[in-house]
Amino acid sequence: KGRFTISRDGTKNTVYLQMNSLKPEDTAVY
């Protein structure tokens, strides 16, 4: 919370995840 933002573009049938201020503990398969 406060670092990641989820959004979507319905015209493109696409969802996004903007990830800022990344930390080593964010390492994973998404």
Full PDB file with SEQRES, HELIX, SHEET, SSBOND, CRYST1, ORIGX, SCALE, CONECT and MASTER records, all heavy atoms in Angstrom:
SEQRES   1 A   30  LYS GLY ARG PHE THR ILE SER ARG ASP GLY THR LYS ASN          
SEQRES   2 A   30  THR VAL TYR LEU GLN MET ASN SER LEU LYS PRO GLU ASP          
SEQRES   3 A   30  THR ALA VAL TYR                                              
HELIX    1 AA1 GLY A   10  LYS A   12  5                                   3    
HELIX    2 AA2 PRO A   24  ASP A   26  5                                   3    
SHEET    1 AA1 2 PHE A   4  ASP A   9  0                                        
SHEET    2 AA1 2 THR A  14  MET A  19 -1                                        
CRYST1    1.000    1.000    1.000  90.00  90.00  90.00 P 1           1          
ORIGX1      1.000000  0.000000  0.000000        0.00000                         
ORIGX2      0.000000  1.000000  0.000000        0.00000                         
ORIGX3      0.000000  0.000000  1.000000        0.00000                         
SCALE1      1.000000  0.000000  0.000000        0.00000                         
SCALE2      0.000000  1.000000  0.000000        0.00000                         
SCALE3      0.000000  0.000000  1.000000        0.00000                         
ATOM      1  N   LYS A   1       0.835  -1.204   0.000  1.00  0.00           N  
ATOM      2  CA  LYS A   1       0.000   0.000   0.000  1.00  0.00           C  
ATOM      3  C   LYS A   1       0.867   1.250   0.000  1.00  0.00           C  
ATOM      4  O   LYS A   1       1.821   1.369   0.761  1.00  0.00           O  
ATOM      5  CB  LYS A   1      -0.910  -0.028   1.222  1.00  0.00           C  
ATOM      6  CG  LYS A   1      -2.174   0.784   1.101  1.00  0.00           C  
ATOM      7  CD  LYS A   1      -3.119   0.495   2.254  1.00  0.00           C  
ATOM      8  CE  LYS A   1      -3.677  -0.900   2.200  1.00  0.00           C  
ATOM      9  NZ  LYS A   1      -4.660  -1.165   3.283  1.00  0.00           N  
ATOM     10  N   GLY A   2       0.541   2.181  -0.888  1.00  0.00           N  
ATOM     11  CA  GLY A   2       1.306   3.416  -1.004  1.00  0.00           C  
ATOM     12  C   GLY A   2       2.473   3.318  -1.963  1.00  0.00           C  
ATOM     13  O   GLY A   2       3.066   4.340  -2.329  1.00  0.00           O  
ATOM     14  N   ARG A   3       2.821   2.099  -2.380  1.00  0.00           N  
ATOM     15  CA  ARG A   3       3.946   1.916  -3.317  1.00  0.00           C  
ATOM     16  C   ARG A   3       3.473   1.359  -4.665  1.00  0.00           C  
ATOM     17  O   ARG A   3       4.047   1.685  -5.702  1.00  0.00           O  
ATOM     18  CB  ARG A   3       4.986   0.962  -2.720  1.00  0.00           C  
ATOM     19  CG  ARG A   3       5.581   1.439  -1.420  1.00  0.00           C  
ATOM     20  CD  ARG A   3       6.734   0.531  -0.980  1.00  0.00           C  
ATOM     21  NE  ARG A   3       6.306  -0.840  -0.727  1.00  0.00           N  
ATOM     22  CZ  ARG A   3       6.810  -1.901  -1.334  1.00  0.00           C  
ATOM     23  NH1 ARG A   3       7.742  -1.766  -2.261  1.00  0.00           N  
ATOM     24  NH2 ARG A   3       6.368  -3.125  -1.024  1.00  0.00           N  
ATOM     25  N   PHE A   4       2.450   0.512  -4.647  1.00  0.00           N  
ATOM     26  CA  PHE A   4       1.953  -0.123  -5.863  1.00  0.00           C  
ATOM     27  C   PHE A   4       0.600   0.481  -6.238  1.00  0.00           C  
ATOM     28  O   PHE A   4      -0.194   0.846  -5.364  1.00  0.00           O  
ATOM     29  CB  PHE A   4       1.778  -1.620  -5.665  1.00  0.00           C  
ATOM     30  CG  PHE A   4       3.042  -2.414  -5.518  1.00  0.00           C  
ATOM     31  CD1 PHE A   4       4.280  -1.807  -5.348  1.00  0.00           C  
ATOM     32  CD2 PHE A   4       3.004  -3.798  -5.556  1.00  0.00           C  
ATOM     33  CE1 PHE A   4       5.437  -2.546  -5.211  1.00  0.00           C  
ATOM     34  CE2 PHE A   4       4.155  -4.565  -5.421  1.00  0.00           C  
ATOM     35  CZ  PHE A   4       5.372  -3.921  -5.246  1.00  0.00           C  
ATOM     36  N   THR A   5       0.335   0.526  -7.534  1.00  0.00           N  
ATOM     37  CA  THR A   5      -0.955   1.012  -8.030  1.00  0.00           C  
ATOM     38  C   THR A   5      -1.463   0.077  -9.116  1.00  0.00           C  
ATOM     39  O   THR A   5      -0.754  -0.184 -10.093  1.00  0.00           O  
ATOM     40  CB  THR A   5      -0.831   2.433  -8.596  1.00  0.00           C  
ATOM     41  OG1 THR A   5      -0.315   3.310  -7.595  1.00  0.00           O  
ATOM     42  CG2 THR A   5      -2.197   2.933  -9.057  1.00  0.00           C  
ATOM     43  N   ILE A   6      -2.676  -0.400  -8.942  1.00  0.00           N  
ATOM     44  CA  ILE A   6      -3.309  -1.229  -9.956  1.00  0.00           C  
ATOM     45  C   ILE A   6      -4.237  -0.358 -10.791  1.00  0.00           C  
ATOM     46  O   ILE A   6      -4.902   0.542 -10.269  1.00  0.00           O  
ATOM     47  CB  ILE A   6      -4.080  -2.415  -9.320  1.00  0.00           C  
ATOM     48  CG1 ILE A   6      -4.569  -3.390 -10.391  1.00  0.00           C  
ATOM     49  CG2 ILE A   6      -5.228  -1.932  -8.439  1.00  0.00           C  
ATOM     50  CD1 ILE A   6      -5.151  -4.685  -9.825  1.00  0.00           C  
ATOM     51  N   SER A   7      -4.254  -0.616 -12.087  1.00  0.00           N  
ATOM     52  CA  SER A   7      -5.135   0.131 -12.978  1.00  0.00           C  
ATOM     53  C   SER A   7      -5.496  -0.773 -14.157  1.00  0.00           C  
ATOM     54  O   SER A   7      -4.956  -1.868 -14.298  1.00  0.00           O  
ATOM     55  CB  SER A   7      -4.453   1.411 -13.476  1.00  0.00           C  
ATOM     56  OG  SER A   7      -3.285   1.099 -14.227  1.00  0.00           O  
ATOM     57  N   ARG A   8      -6.425  -0.295 -14.977  1.00  0.00           N  
ATOM     58  CA  ARG A   8      -6.811  -1.104 -16.131  1.00  0.00           C  
ATOM     59  C   ARG A   8      -7.221  -0.212 -17.281  1.00  0.00           C  
ATOM     60  O   ARG A   8      -7.646   0.932 -17.084  1.00  0.00           O  
ATOM     61  CB  ARG A   8      -7.942  -2.063 -15.758  1.00  0.00           C  
ATOM     62  CG  ARG A   8      -9.262  -1.412 -15.405  1.00  0.00           C  
ATOM     63  CD  ARG A   8     -10.228  -2.413 -14.769  1.00  0.00           C  
ATOM     64  NE  ARG A   8     -10.361  -3.625 -15.569  1.00  0.00           N  
ATOM     65  CZ  ARG A   8     -10.895  -4.757 -15.120  1.00  0.00           C  
ATOM     66  NH1 ARG A   8     -11.334  -4.835 -13.879  1.00  0.00           N  
ATOM     67  NH2 ARG A   8     -11.006  -5.811 -15.909  1.00  0.00           N  
ATOM     68  N   ASP A   9      -7.083  -0.766 -18.470  1.00  0.00           N  
ATOM     69  CA  ASP A   9      -7.524  -0.104 -19.688  1.00  0.00           C  
ATOM     70  C   ASP A   9      -8.498  -1.057 -20.364  1.00  0.00           C  
ATOM     71  O   ASP A   9      -8.089  -2.050 -20.957  1.00  0.00           O  
ATOM     72  CB  ASP A   9      -6.325   0.191 -20.594  1.00  0.00           C  
ATOM     73  CG  ASP A   9      -6.712   0.966 -21.842  1.00  0.00           C  
ATOM     74  OD1 ASP A   9      -7.901   0.918 -22.245  1.00  0.00           O  
ATOM     75  OD2 ASP A   9      -5.841   1.622 -22.423  1.00  0.00           O  
ATOM     76  N   GLY A  10      -9.778  -0.737 -20.251  1.00  0.00           N  
ATOM     77  CA  GLY A  10     -10.794  -1.622 -20.795  1.00  0.00           C  
ATOM     78  C   GLY A  10     -10.738  -1.754 -22.296  1.00  0.00           C  
ATOM     79  O   GLY A  10     -11.095  -2.787 -22.859  1.00  0.00           O  
ATOM     80  N   THR A  11     -10.266  -0.714 -22.962  1.00  0.00           N  
ATOM     81  CA  THR A  11     -10.195  -0.766 -24.429  1.00  0.00           C  
ATOM     82  C   THR A  11      -9.132  -1.737 -24.898  1.00  0.00           C  
ATOM     83  O   THR A  11      -9.176  -2.217 -26.032  1.00  0.00           O  
ATOM     84  CB  THR A  11      -9.913   0.621 -25.007  1.00  0.00           C  
ATOM     85  OG1 THR A  11      -8.610   1.055 -24.587  1.00  0.00           O  
ATOM     86  CG2 THR A  11     -10.952   1.632 -24.536  1.00  0.00           C  
ATOM     87  N   LYS A  12      -8.165  -2.015 -24.026  1.00  0.00           N  
ATOM     88  CA  LYS A  12      -7.075  -2.927 -24.385  1.00  0.00           C  
ATOM     89  C   LYS A  12      -7.175  -4.262 -23.657  1.00  0.00           C  
ATOM     90  O   LYS A  12      -6.290  -5.112 -23.803  1.00  0.00           O  
ATOM     91  CB  LYS A  12      -5.726  -2.280 -24.069  1.00  0.00           C  
ATOM     92  CG  LYS A  12      -5.459  -1.007 -24.852  1.00  0.00           C  
ATOM     93  CD  LYS A  12      -4.103  -0.419 -24.486  1.00  0.00           C  
ATOM     94  CE  LYS A  12      -3.828   0.858 -25.273  1.00  0.00           C  
ATOM     95  NZ  LYS A  12      -2.519   1.458 -24.890  1.00  0.00           N  
ATOM     96  N   ASN A  13      -8.235  -4.427 -22.846  1.00  0.00           N  
ATOM     97  CA  ASN A  13      -8.392  -5.672 -22.085  1.00  0.00           C  
ATOM     98  C   ASN A  13      -7.139  -5.961 -21.267  1.00  0.00           C  
ATOM     99  O   ASN A  13      -6.696  -7.110 -21.164  1.00  0.00           O  
ATOM    100  CB  ASN A  13      -8.679  -6.836 -23.036  1.00  0.00           C  
ATOM    101  CG  ASN A  13      -9.772  -7.762 -22.523  1.00  0.00           C  
ATOM    102  OD1 ASN A  13     -10.550  -7.414 -21.638  1.00  0.00           O  
ATOM    103  ND2 ASN A  13      -9.836  -8.959 -23.087  1.00  0.00           N  
ATOM    104  N   THR A  14      -6.574  -4.911 -20.679  1.00  0.00           N  
ATOM    105  CA  THR A  14      -5.282  -5.017 -20.006  1.00  0.00           C  
ATOM    106  C   THR A  14      -5.356  -4.425 -18.601  1.00  0.00           C  
ATOM    107  O   THR A  14      -6.003  -3.397 -18.388  1.00  0.00           O  
ATOM    108  CB  THR A  14      -4.193  -4.300 -20.818  1.00  0.00           C  
ATOM    109  OG1 THR A  14      -4.101  -4.908 -22.118  1.00  0.00           O  
ATOM    110  CG2 THR A  14      -2.842  -4.395 -20.133  1.00  0.00           C  
ATOM    111  N   VAL A  15      -4.673  -5.094 -17.670  1.00  0.00           N  
ATOM    112  CA  VAL A  15      -4.549  -4.610 -16.300  1.00  0.00           C  
ATOM    113  C   VAL A  15      -3.068  -4.346 -16.037  1.00  0.00           C  
ATOM    114  O   VAL A  15      -2.200  -5.095 -16.522  1.00  0.00           O  
ATOM    115  CB  VAL A  15      -5.087  -5.648 -15.298  1.00  0.00           C  
ATOM    116  CG1 VAL A  15      -4.869  -5.188 -13.867  1.00  0.00           C  
ATOM    117  CG2 VAL A  15      -6.559  -5.895 -15.537  1.00  0.00           C  
ATOM    118  N   TYR A  16      -2.793  -3.300 -15.274  1.00  0.00           N  
ATOM    119  CA  TYR A  16      -1.423  -2.914 -14.989  1.00  0.00           C  
ATOM    120  C   TYR A  16      -1.162  -2.950 -13.485  1.00  0.00           C  
ATOM    121  O   TYR A  16      -2.072  -2.800 -12.669  1.00  0.00           O  
ATOM    122  CB  TYR A  16      -1.156  -1.507 -15.503  1.00  0.00           C  
ATOM    123  CG  TYR A  16      -1.447  -1.320 -16.964  1.00  0.00           C  
ATOM    124  CD1 TYR A  16      -2.662  -0.787 -17.395  1.00  0.00           C  
ATOM    125  CD2 TYR A  16      -0.519  -1.686 -17.928  1.00  0.00           C  
ATOM    126  CE1 TYR A  16      -2.936  -0.618 -18.738  1.00  0.00           C  
ATOM    127  CE2 TYR A  16      -0.787  -1.519 -19.281  1.00  0.00           C  
ATOM    128  CZ  TYR A  16      -1.993  -0.983 -19.679  1.00  0.00           C  
ATOM    129  OH  TYR A  16      -2.264  -0.819 -21.016  1.00  0.00           O  
ATOM    130  N   LEU A  17       0.115  -3.108 -13.140  1.00  0.00           N  
ATOM    131  CA  LEU A  17       0.548  -2.954 -11.761  1.00  0.00           C  
ATOM    132  C   LEU A  17       1.809  -2.098 -11.784  1.00  0.00           C  
ATOM    133  O   LEU A  17       2.873  -2.554 -12.210  1.00  0.00           O  
ATOM    134  CB  LEU A  17       0.832  -4.305 -11.107  1.00  0.00           C  
ATOM    135  CG  LEU A  17       1.181  -4.229  -9.613  1.00  0.00           C  
ATOM    136  CD1 LEU A  17      -0.054  -3.792  -8.802  1.00  0.00           C  
ATOM    137  CD2 LEU A  17       1.688  -5.578  -9.095  1.00  0.00           C  
ATOM    138  N   GLN A  18       1.665  -0.848 -11.371  1.00  0.00           N  
ATOM    139  CA  GLN A  18       2.801   0.058 -11.262  1.00  0.00           C  
ATOM    140  C   GLN A  18       3.430  -0.150  -9.904  1.00  0.00           C  
ATOM    141  O   GLN A  18       2.755   0.009  -8.873  1.00  0.00           O  
ATOM    142  CB  GLN A  18       2.348   1.511 -11.422  1.00  0.00           C  
ATOM    143  CG  GLN A  18       3.462   2.522 -11.261  1.00  0.00           C  
ATOM    144  CD  GLN A  18       4.495   2.445 -12.368  1.00  0.00           C  
ATOM    145  OE1 GLN A  18       4.156   2.320 -13.541  1.00  0.00           O  
ATOM    146  NE2 GLN A  18       5.767   2.521 -11.999  1.00  0.00           N  
ATOM    147  N   MET A  19       4.695  -0.495  -9.899  1.00  0.00           N  
ATOM    148  CA  MET A  19       5.398  -0.803  -8.653  1.00  0.00           C  
ATOM    149  C   MET A  19       6.532   0.200  -8.465  1.00  0.00           C  
ATOM    150  O   MET A  19       7.471   0.243  -9.275  1.00  0.00           O  
ATOM    151  CB  MET A  19       5.944  -2.228  -8.694  1.00  0.00           C  
ATOM    152  CG  MET A  19       4.881  -3.279  -8.999  1.00  0.00           C  
ATOM    153  SD  MET A  19       5.496  -4.964  -8.887  1.00  0.00           S  
ATOM    154  CE  MET A  19       6.704  -4.980 -10.205  1.00  0.00           C  
ATOM    155  N   ASN A  20       6.428   1.008  -7.427  1.00  0.00           N  
ATOM    156  CA  ASN A  20       7.445   2.005  -7.109  1.00  0.00           C  
ATOM    157  C   ASN A  20       8.106   1.680  -5.780  1.00  0.00           C  
ATOM    158  O   ASN A  20       7.583   0.889  -4.989  1.00  0.00           O  
ATOM    159  CB  ASN A  20       6.807   3.399  -7.042  1.00  0.00           C  
ATOM    160  CG  ASN A  20       6.185   3.820  -8.352  1.00  0.00           C  
ATOM    161  OD1 ASN A  20       6.643   3.461  -9.428  1.00  0.00           O  
ATOM    162  ND2 ASN A  20       5.117   4.609  -8.267  1.00  0.00           N  
ATOM    163  N   SER A  21       9.240   2.308  -5.532  1.00  0.00           N  
ATOM    164  CA  SER A  21       9.973   2.114  -4.271  1.00  0.00           C  
ATOM    165  C   SER A  21      10.127   0.633  -3.959  1.00  0.00           C  
ATOM    166  O   SER A  21       9.870   0.179  -2.834  1.00  0.00           O  
ATOM    167  CB  SER A  21       9.233   2.819  -3.129  1.00  0.00           C  
ATOM    168  OG  SER A  21       9.088   4.200  -3.395  1.00  0.00           O  
ATOM    169  N   LEU A  22      10.564  -0.113  -4.944  1.00  0.00           N  
ATOM    170  CA  LEU A  22      10.664  -1.562  -4.779  1.00  0.00           C  
ATOM    171  C   LEU A  22      11.698  -1.945  -3.727  1.00  0.00           C  
ATOM    172  O   LEU A  22      12.726  -1.261  -3.562  1.00  0.00           O  
ATOM    173  CB  LEU A  22      10.996  -2.217  -6.117  1.00  0.00           C  
ATOM    174  CG  LEU A  22       9.798  -2.341  -7.072  1.00  0.00           C  
ATOM    175  CD1 LEU A  22      10.251  -2.553  -8.494  1.00  0.00           C  
ATOM    176  CD2 LEU A  22       8.885  -3.462  -6.614  1.00  0.00           C  
ATOM    177  N   LYS A  23      11.394  -3.032  -3.029  1.00  0.00           N  
ATOM    178  CA  LYS A  23      12.257  -3.542  -1.974  1.00  0.00           C  
ATOM    179  C   LYS A  23      12.675  -4.972  -2.315  1.00  0.00           C  
ATOM    180  O   LYS A  23      11.963  -5.666  -3.049  1.00  0.00           O  
ATOM    181  CB  LYS A  23      11.495  -3.547  -0.648  1.00  0.00           C  
ATOM    182  CG  LYS A  23      10.911  -2.215  -0.242  1.00  0.00           C  
ATOM    183  CD  LYS A  23      10.070  -2.361   1.019  1.00  0.00           C  
ATOM    184  CE  LYS A  23       9.451  -1.038   1.432  1.00  0.00           C  
ATOM    185  NZ  LYS A  23       8.622  -1.170   2.662  1.00  0.00           N  
ATOM    186  N   PRO A  24      13.780  -5.439  -1.779  1.00  0.00           N  
ATOM    187  CA  PRO A  24      14.195  -6.825  -2.034  1.00  0.00           C  
ATOM    188  C   PRO A  24      13.108  -7.835  -1.669  1.00  0.00           C  
ATOM    189  O   PRO A  24      12.976  -8.865  -2.344  1.00  0.00           O  
ATOM    190  CB  PRO A  24      15.429  -6.983  -1.144  1.00  0.00           C  
ATOM    191  CG  PRO A  24      16.010  -5.614  -1.075  1.00  0.00           C  
ATOM    192  CD  PRO A  24      14.819  -4.689  -1.032  1.00  0.00           C  
ATOM    193  N   GLU A  25      12.319  -7.543  -0.671  1.00  0.00           N  
ATOM    194  CA  GLU A  25      11.256  -8.474  -0.273  1.00  0.00           C  
ATOM    195  C   GLU A  25      10.089  -8.500  -1.260  1.00  0.00           C  
ATOM    196  O   GLU A  25       9.169  -9.317  -1.117  1.00  0.00           O  
ATOM    197  CB  GLU A  25      10.739  -8.136   1.139  1.00  0.00           C  
ATOM    198  CG  GLU A  25      10.358  -6.692   1.358  1.00  0.00           C  
ATOM    199  CD  GLU A  25      11.470  -5.888   2.005  1.00  0.00           C  
ATOM    200  OE1 GLU A  25      12.644  -6.039   1.598  1.00  0.00           O  
ATOM    201  OE2 GLU A  25      11.157  -5.087   2.910  1.00  0.00           O  
ATOM    202  N   ASP A  26      10.113  -7.640  -2.260  1.00  0.00           N  
ATOM    203  CA  ASP A  26       9.114  -7.704  -3.329  1.00  0.00           C  
ATOM    204  C   ASP A  26       9.487  -8.731  -4.398  1.00  0.00           C  
ATOM    205  O   ASP A  26       8.702  -8.986  -5.322  1.00  0.00           O  
ATOM    206  CB  ASP A  26       8.949  -6.339  -4.004  1.00  0.00           C  
ATOM    207  CG  ASP A  26       8.362  -5.288  -3.074  1.00  0.00           C  
ATOM    208  OD1 ASP A  26       7.422  -5.616  -2.315  1.00  0.00           O  
ATOM    209  OD2 ASP A  26       8.848  -4.140  -3.106  1.00  0.00           O  
ATOM    210  N   THR A  27      10.670  -9.297  -4.291  1.00  0.00           N  
ATOM    211  CA  THR A  27      11.115 -10.301  -5.253  1.00  0.00           C  
ATOM    212  C   THR A  27      10.187 -11.507  -5.231  1.00  0.00           C  
ATOM    213  O   THR A  27       9.943 -12.103  -4.183  1.00  0.00           O  
ATOM    214  CB  THR A  27      12.553 -10.742  -4.938  1.00  0.00           C  
ATOM    215  OG1 THR A  27      13.437  -9.632  -5.120  1.00  0.00           O  
ATOM    216  CG2 THR A  27      12.982 -11.892  -5.835  1.00  0.00           C  
ATOM    217  N   ALA A  28       9.656 -11.847  -6.403  1.00  0.00           N  
ATOM    218  CA  ALA A  28       8.694 -12.944  -6.512  1.00  0.00           C  
ATOM    219  C   ALA A  28       8.301 -13.112  -7.976  1.00  0.00           C  
ATOM    220  O   ALA A  28       8.617 -12.267  -8.819  1.00  0.00           O  
ATOM    221  CB  ALA A  28       7.447 -12.659  -5.677  1.00  0.00           C  
ATOM    222  N   VAL A  29       7.574 -14.179  -8.238  1.00  0.00           N  
ATOM    223  CA  VAL A  29       6.879 -14.321  -9.514  1.00  0.00           C  
ATOM    224  C   VAL A  29       5.502 -13.676  -9.332  1.00  0.00           C  
ATOM    225  O   VAL A  29       4.787 -14.009  -8.381  1.00  0.00           O  
ATOM    226  CB  VAL A  29       6.731 -15.784  -9.935  1.00  0.00           C  
ATOM    227  CG1 VAL A  29       5.930 -15.878 -11.240  1.00  0.00           C  
ATOM    228  CG2 VAL A  29       8.107 -16.429 -10.100  1.00  0.00           C  
ATOM    229  N   TYR A  30       5.165 -12.770 -10.219  1.00  0.00           N  
ATOM    230  CA  TYR A  30       3.902 -12.044 -10.130  1.00  0.00           C  
ATOM    231  C   TYR A  30       2.916 -12.616 -11.146  1.00  0.00           C  
ATOM    232  O   TYR A  30       3.260 -12.788 -12.321  1.00  0.00           O  
ATOM    233  CB  TYR A  30       4.130 -10.559 -10.383  1.00  0.00           C  
ATOM    234  CG  TYR A  30       4.718  -9.853  -9.181  1.00  0.00           C  
ATOM    235  CD1 TYR A  30       6.049 -10.074  -8.815  1.00  0.00           C  
ATOM    236  CD2 TYR A  30       3.963  -8.977  -8.419  1.00  0.00           C  
ATOM    237  CE1 TYR A  30       6.592  -9.459  -7.705  1.00  0.00           C  
ATOM    238  CE2 TYR A  30       4.502  -8.341  -7.309  1.00  0.00           C  
ATOM    239  CZ  TYR A  30       5.811  -8.590  -6.951  1.00  0.00           C  
ATOM    240  OH  TYR A  30       6.347  -7.971  -5.847  1.00  0.00           O  
TER     241      TYR A  30                                                      
MASTER        0    0    0    2    2    0    0    6  240    1    0    3          
END                                                                             
